Structures are given as structure tokens and as C-alpha cells.
């Protein structure tokens, strides 16, 4: 157990720890893959790259909604580009 995260309410500690662990796992795993592996779509399924970008974008959008804000044009652009390997 890592202990409490400063500035995060007790009710949200499990969520914060889960997000931090996810970041660590992505940072540890992505560098071990080639660009071809990251963007390949075996049998037409979504790529690893898409899932990583989608997770990052989804979290950003959720925090925007949680603040009671609307998505920006930039956030909409990120959403559209999630599956683009460039």
C-alpha cells in the first residue's frame, strides 16, 4: 500500500491509486513495443495505441465534465484523432 495521496479525498483514494498504477504500467509497457505492435489491429480490433489515447482522453473529458465545463475544440480534436497512428 502506498498510503494516502495528498489532496485527494478518502472516498477517491482507490480511484487515484488505480489511475497512478495505470500510468506506471503504460509507461513500463509501451517502450517495449514497436510502433507496428502499438498500432496493429489484429482481426480488426482496436489497437493498443488507440486504447492508450482513448484512456487518456476519456479521463481528461471526465475531469472536464466533473468541473461542470463543456469540452473544448481541442478536446474534440483529440477525441477524433484517438485512432490515428500519426
Protein backbone atom coordinates (compact mmCIF):
# COMPACT_ATOMS: atom_id res chain seq x y z
CA UNK A 1 0.00 0.00 0.00
CA UNK A 2 1.31 3.41 -0.93
CA UNK A 3 -0.69 5.36 1.59
CA UNK A 4 -2.89 8.37 1.03
CA UNK A 5 -2.38 10.77 -1.84
CA UNK A 6 -2.28 14.39 -0.69
CA UNK A 7 -5.19 16.49 -1.84
CA UNK A 8 -7.42 13.52 -2.71
CA UNK A 9 -10.46 12.78 -0.58
CA UNK A 10 -10.63 9.43 1.20
CA UNK A 11 -13.53 8.31 -0.98
CA UNK A 12 -11.48 8.88 -4.14
CA UNK A 13 -8.20 7.34 -2.92
CA UNK A 14 -8.85 3.98 -4.66
CA UNK A 15 -9.56 5.77 -7.94
CA UNK A 16 -6.42 7.89 -7.65
CA UNK A 17 -4.28 4.83 -6.89
CA UNK A 18 -5.80 2.96 -9.83
CA UNK A 19 -5.04 5.82 -12.20
CA UNK A 20 -1.46 6.11 -10.95
CA UNK A 21 -0.93 2.37 -11.36
CA UNK A 22 -2.33 2.52 -14.89
CA UNK A 23 0.09 5.31 -15.82
CA UNK A 24 3.01 3.32 -14.43
CA UNK A 25 2.01 0.20 -16.35
CA UNK A 26 1.56 2.07 -19.63
CA UNK A 27 4.93 3.81 -19.19
CA UNK A 28 6.59 0.47 -18.48
CA UNK A 29 4.94 -1.40 -21.35
CA UNK A 30 4.77 0.97 -24.33
CA UNK A 31 8.54 1.36 -24.71
CA UNK A 32 8.85 -2.41 -25.08
CA UNK A 33 6.58 -2.40 -28.16
CA UNK A 34 7.36 -1.40 -31.72
CA UNK A 35 5.22 1.20 -33.49
CA UNK A 36 3.87 -1.63 -35.61
CA UNK A 37 2.80 -3.53 -32.48
CA UNK A 38 1.28 -0.41 -30.92
CA UNK A 39 -0.83 0.37 -33.99
CA UNK A 40 -1.57 -3.12 -35.32
CA UNK A 41 -5.21 -4.17 -35.46
CA UNK A 42 -5.26 -7.97 -35.44
CA UNK A 43 -8.56 -9.25 -36.79
CA UNK A 44 -9.77 -5.64 -36.96
CA UNK A 45 -9.81 -4.98 -33.22
CA UNK A 46 -8.78 -1.61 -31.83
CA UNK A 47 -5.04 -1.08 -31.45
CA UNK A 48 -3.07 -0.69 -28.24
CA UNK A 49 -2.31 2.88 -29.34
CA UNK A 50 -5.99 3.65 -29.66
CA UNK A 51 -6.72 2.28 -26.19
CA UNK A 52 -3.93 4.31 -24.58
CA UNK A 53 -5.03 7.53 -26.31
CA UNK A 54 -8.68 6.81 -25.56
CA UNK A 55 -7.99 6.22 -21.86
CA UNK A 56 -6.03 9.47 -21.60
CA UNK A 57 -8.68 11.42 -23.49
CA UNK A 58 -11.55 9.86 -21.56
CA UNK A 59 -10.00 10.79 -18.23
CA UNK A 60 -9.43 14.34 -19.43
CA UNK A 61 -13.04 14.58 -20.63
CA UNK A 62 -14.38 13.11 -17.36
CA UNK A 63 -12.49 15.70 -15.32
CA UNK A 64 -13.84 18.44 -17.57
CA UNK A 65 -17.40 17.24 -17.01
CA UNK A 66 -16.75 16.86 -13.26
CA UNK A 67 -15.80 20.55 -13.16
CA UNK A 68 -19.13 21.33 -14.85
CA UNK A 69 -17.42 22.51 -18.03
CA UNK A 70 -18.04 21.78 -21.69
CA UNK A 71 -15.42 20.14 -23.90
CA UNK A 72 -13.11 22.50 -25.76
CA UNK A 73 -12.48 22.37 -29.50
CA UNK A 74 -9.04 20.94 -28.69
CA UNK A 75 -10.62 18.10 -26.68
CA UNK A 76 -12.96 17.32 -29.57
CA UNK A 77 -9.94 17.22 -31.88
CA UNK A 78 -8.15 14.80 -29.55
CA UNK A 79 -11.25 12.60 -29.49
CA UNK A 80 -11.38 12.44 -33.29
CA UNK A 81 -7.65 11.67 -33.53
CA UNK A 82 -7.55 8.84 -30.96
CA UNK A 83 -7.31 6.10 -33.57
CA UNK A 84 -4.88 7.96 -35.86
CA UNK A 85 -1.39 6.43 -35.66
CA UNK A 86 0.34 9.61 -36.85
